[in-house]
C-alpha atoms as a PDB file:
ATOM      1  CA  GLN A   1       9.353 -13.459 -10.471  1.00  0.00           C
ATOM      2  CA  VAL A   2       6.623 -11.579  -8.601  1.00  0.00           C
ATOM      3  CA  GLN A   3       3.823  -9.578 -10.182  1.00  0.00           C
ATOM      4  CA  LEU A   4       1.672  -7.204  -8.131  1.00  0.00           C
ATOM      5  CA  MET A   5      -1.865  -5.941  -8.690  1.00  0.00           C
ATOM      6  CA  GLU A   6      -3.394  -3.238  -6.495  1.00  0.00           C
ATOM      7  CA  SER A   7      -7.120  -2.712  -6.051  1.00  0.00           C
ATOM      8  CA  GLY A   8      -9.542  -0.926  -3.764  1.00  0.00           C
ATOM      9  CA  GLY A   9      -8.923   2.673  -4.686  1.00  0.00           C
ATOM     10  CA  GLY A  10     -11.724   5.109  -5.381  1.00  0.00           C
ATOM     11  CA  LEU A  11     -13.503   8.259  -4.291  1.00  0.00           C
ATOM     12  CA  VAL A  12     -14.119   8.948  -0.618  1.00  0.00           C
ATOM     13  CA  GLN A  13     -15.101  11.933   1.472  1.00  0.00           C
ATOM     14  CA  PRO A  14     -12.842  13.361   4.177  1.00  0.00           C
ATOM     15  CA  GLY A  15     -13.038  11.265   7.310  1.00  0.00           C
ATOM     16  CA  GLY A  16     -13.913   8.174   5.327  1.00  0.00           C
ATOM     17  CA  SER A  17     -12.107   4.870   4.985  1.00  0.00           C
ATOM     18  CA  LEU A  18     -10.783   2.648   2.235  1.00  0.00           C
ATOM     19  CA  ARG A  19      -8.969  -0.655   2.204  1.00  0.00           C
ATOM     20  CA  LEU A  20      -6.418  -1.237  -0.511  1.00  0.00           C
ATOM     21  CA  SER A  21      -5.334  -4.708  -1.541  1.00  0.00           C
ATOM     22  CA  CYS A  22      -2.237  -5.853  -3.370  1.00  0.00           C
ATOM     23  CA  ALA A  23      -2.331  -9.366  -4.752  1.00  0.00           C
ATOM     24  CA  ALA A  24       0.966 -10.996  -5.616  1.00  0.00           C
ATOM     25  CA  SER A  25       1.761 -13.833  -7.943  1.00  0.00           C
ATOM     26  CA  GLY A  26       4.683 -16.148  -7.338  1.00  0.00           C
ATOM     27  CA  SER A  27       5.713 -18.440  -4.516  1.00  0.00           C
ATOM     28  CA  ILE A  28       8.068 -16.125  -2.652  1.00  0.00           C
ATOM     29  CA  PHE A  29       5.487 -13.671  -1.316  1.00  0.00           C
ATOM     30  CA  SER A  30       5.632 -14.942   2.258  1.00  0.00           C
ATOM     31  CA  ARG A  31       9.392 -14.413   2.372  1.00  0.00           C
ATOM     32  CA  VAL A  32       9.602 -10.795   1.214  1.00  0.00           C
ATOM     33  CA  THR A  33       8.963  -7.459   2.867  1.00  0.00           C
ATOM     34  CA  MET A  34       5.978  -5.658   1.337  1.00  0.00           C
ATOM     35  CA  GLY A  35       5.372  -1.928   1.342  1.00  0.00           C
ATOM     36  CA  TRP A  36       2.882   0.752   0.379  1.00  0.00           C
ATOM     37  CA  TYR A  37       3.834   4.048  -1.208  1.00  0.00           C
ATOM     38  CA  ARG A  38       1.956   6.901  -2.803  1.00  0.00           C
ATOM     39  CA  GLN A  39       2.578   9.655  -5.311  1.00  0.00           C
ATOM     40  CA  ALA A  40       0.525  12.817  -5.537  1.00  0.00           C
ATOM     41  CA  PRO A  41       0.552  15.003  -8.660  1.00  0.00           C
ATOM     42  CA  GLY A  42       3.763  16.987  -8.881  1.00  0.00           C
ATOM     43  CA  LYS A  43       5.296  15.252  -5.872  1.00  0.00           C
ATOM     44  CA  GLN A  44       7.805  12.492  -5.337  1.00  0.00           C
ATOM     45  CA  ARG A  45       6.716   9.000  -4.431  1.00  0.00           C
ATOM     46  CA  GLU A  46       6.655   8.662  -0.651  1.00  0.00           C
ATOM     47  CA  PHE A  47       6.905   5.731   1.713  1.00  0.00           C
ATOM     48  CA  LEU A  48       3.817   4.952   3.796  1.00  0.00           C
ATOM     49  CA  ALA A  49       4.311   1.607   5.495  1.00  0.00           C
ATOM     50  CA  HIS A  50       5.982  -1.741   5.242  1.00  0.00           C
ATOM     51  CA  ILE A  51       5.536  -5.170   6.745  1.00  0.00           C
ATOM     52  CA  THR A  52       8.245  -7.804   6.977  1.00  0.00           C
ATOM     53  CA  SER A  53       7.845 -11.500   6.351  1.00  0.00           C
ATOM     54  CA  GLY A  54       7.634 -11.912  10.115  1.00  0.00           C
ATOM     55  CA  GLY A  55       4.892  -9.336  10.451  1.00  0.00           C
ATOM     56  CA  SER A  56       6.859  -6.403  11.845  1.00  0.00           C
ATOM     57  CA  THR A  57       5.521  -3.075  10.651  1.00  0.00           C
ATOM     58  CA  ASN A  58       6.803   0.457  10.211  1.00  0.00           C
ATOM     59  CA  TYR A  59       4.899   3.610   9.259  1.00  0.00           C
ATOM     60  CA  ALA A  60       5.578   7.090   8.005  1.00  0.00           C
ATOM     61  CA  ASP A  61       4.678   9.766  10.538  1.00  0.00           C
ATOM     62  CA  SER A  62       2.125  11.213   8.132  1.00  0.00           C
ATOM     63  CA  VAL A  63      -0.064   8.094   8.338  1.00  0.00           C
ATOM     64  CA  LYS A  64       0.797   6.631  11.726  1.00  0.00           C
ATOM     65  CA  GLY A  65      -2.377   5.996  13.699  1.00  0.00           C
ATOM     66  CA  ARG A  66      -4.600   6.300  10.628  1.00  0.00           C
ATOM     67  CA  PHE A  67      -3.286   3.610   8.269  1.00  0.00           C
ATOM     68  CA  THR A  68      -2.680  -0.056   9.043  1.00  0.00           C
ATOM     69  CA  ILE A  69      -0.711  -2.471   6.913  1.00  0.00           C
ATOM     70  CA  SER A  70      -1.323  -6.209   7.132  1.00  0.00           C
ATOM     71  CA  ARG A  71      -0.667  -9.316   5.097  1.00  0.00           C
ATOM     72  CA  ASP A  72      -2.298 -12.664   4.475  1.00  0.00           C
ATOM     73  CA  ASN A  73       0.376 -15.042   3.257  1.00  0.00           C
ATOM     74  CA  ALA A  74      -2.198 -17.732   2.462  1.00  0.00           C
ATOM     75  CA  LYS A  75      -3.778 -15.338  -0.032  1.00  0.00           C
ATOM     76  CA  ASN A  76      -0.505 -13.757  -1.213  1.00  0.00           C
ATOM     77  CA  THR A  77      -2.059 -10.383  -0.414  1.00  0.00           C
ATOM     78  CA  VAL A  78      -1.013  -7.287   1.489  1.00  0.00           C
ATOM     79  CA  TYR A  79      -3.549  -4.720   2.646  1.00  0.00           C
ATOM     80  CA  LEU A  80      -3.587  -1.077   3.604  1.00  0.00           C
ATOM     81  CA  GLN A  81      -6.503  -0.031   5.786  1.00  0.00           C
ATOM     82  CA  MET A  82      -6.870   3.739   5.564  1.00  0.00           C
ATOM     83  CA  ASN A  83      -9.037   5.586   8.068  1.00  0.00           C
ATOM     84  CA  SER A  84      -9.733   9.254   8.760  1.00  0.00           C
ATOM     85  CA  LEU A  85      -8.797  10.134   5.211  1.00  0.00           C
ATOM     86  CA  LYS A  86      -7.865  13.711   4.369  1.00  0.00           C
ATOM     87  CA  SER A  87      -7.747  15.618   1.105  1.00  0.00           C
ATOM     88  CA  GLU A  88      -3.948  15.462   1.233  1.00  0.00           C
ATOM     89  CA  ASP A  89      -4.160  11.677   1.049  1.00  0.00           C
ATOM     90  CA  THR A  90      -5.236  12.003  -2.578  1.00  0.00           C
ATOM     91  CA  ALA A  91      -2.645  10.179  -4.678  1.00  0.00           C
ATOM     92  CA  VAL A  92      -1.872   7.067  -6.659  1.00  0.00           C
ATOM     93  CA  TYR A  93      -1.064   4.282  -4.221  1.00  0.00           C
ATOM     94  CA  TYR A  94       1.494   1.617  -5.074  1.00  0.00           C
ATOM     95  CA  CYS A  95       2.575  -1.579  -3.430  1.00  0.00           C
ATOM     96  CA  LYS A  96       6.160  -2.758  -3.556  1.00  0.00           C
ATOM     97  CA  ALA A  97       7.807  -6.102  -2.985  1.00  0.00           C
ATOM     98  CA  GLU A  98      11.403  -6.122  -1.762  1.00  0.00           C
ATOM     99  CA  THR A  99      12.472  -8.730  -4.259  1.00  0.00           C
ATOM    100  CA  LEU A 100      16.038  -9.275  -5.441  1.00  0.00           C
ATOM    101  CA  PRO A 101      17.978  -8.163  -7.386  1.00  0.00           C
ATOM    102  CA  TRP A 102      15.555  -5.218  -7.656  1.00  0.00           C
ATOM    103  CA  PRO A 103      12.183  -4.403  -6.105  1.00  0.00           C
ATOM    104  CA  THR A 104       8.890  -5.079  -7.834  1.00  0.00           C
ATOM    105  CA  TRP A 105       6.154  -2.431  -8.117  1.00  0.00           C
ATOM    106  CA  GLY A 106       2.473  -2.672  -8.872  1.00  0.00           C
ATOM    107  CA  GLN A 107       0.712  -0.465 -11.390  1.00  0.00           C
ATOM    108  CA  GLY A 108      -0.983   1.706  -8.757  1.00  0.00           C
ATOM    109  CA  THR A 109      -4.531   2.510  -7.726  1.00  0.00           C
ATOM    110  CA  GLN A 110      -6.002   6.001  -7.491  1.00  0.00           C
ATOM    111  CA  VAL A 111      -7.374   7.310  -4.205  1.00  0.00           C
ATOM    112  CA  THR A 112      -9.238  10.609  -4.294  1.00  0.00           C
ATOM    113  CA  VAL A 113     -10.479  12.280  -1.122  1.00  0.00           C
ATOM    114  CA  TYR A 114     -12.941  15.042  -1.966  1.00  0.00           C
ATOM    115  CA  SER A 115     -15.363  17.233  -0.097  1.00  0.00           C
END
């Protein structure tokens, strides 16, 4: 069983950067696809990026070129580097592990972009 803990959220001005981390417990981390999602107030949770066990990545159009997902299997951690942040990036950010029989979610970390 995998447990996930996000960190790194906070307050940032437009144009700024943050790096989110998601630490996973359990021995299967290196074998599962990991993803980042976010949910803004009053909106549905949306996909941002994922990275496979082999390191292949995919991004939502809304963050392509600004956000970068990476993983360190030795540290059981997945990262989301967020650059050129905009006010519309304000949301709770969640990581997700594609575990079976159902995915595992973290508790979320708040990112607020303010001017």
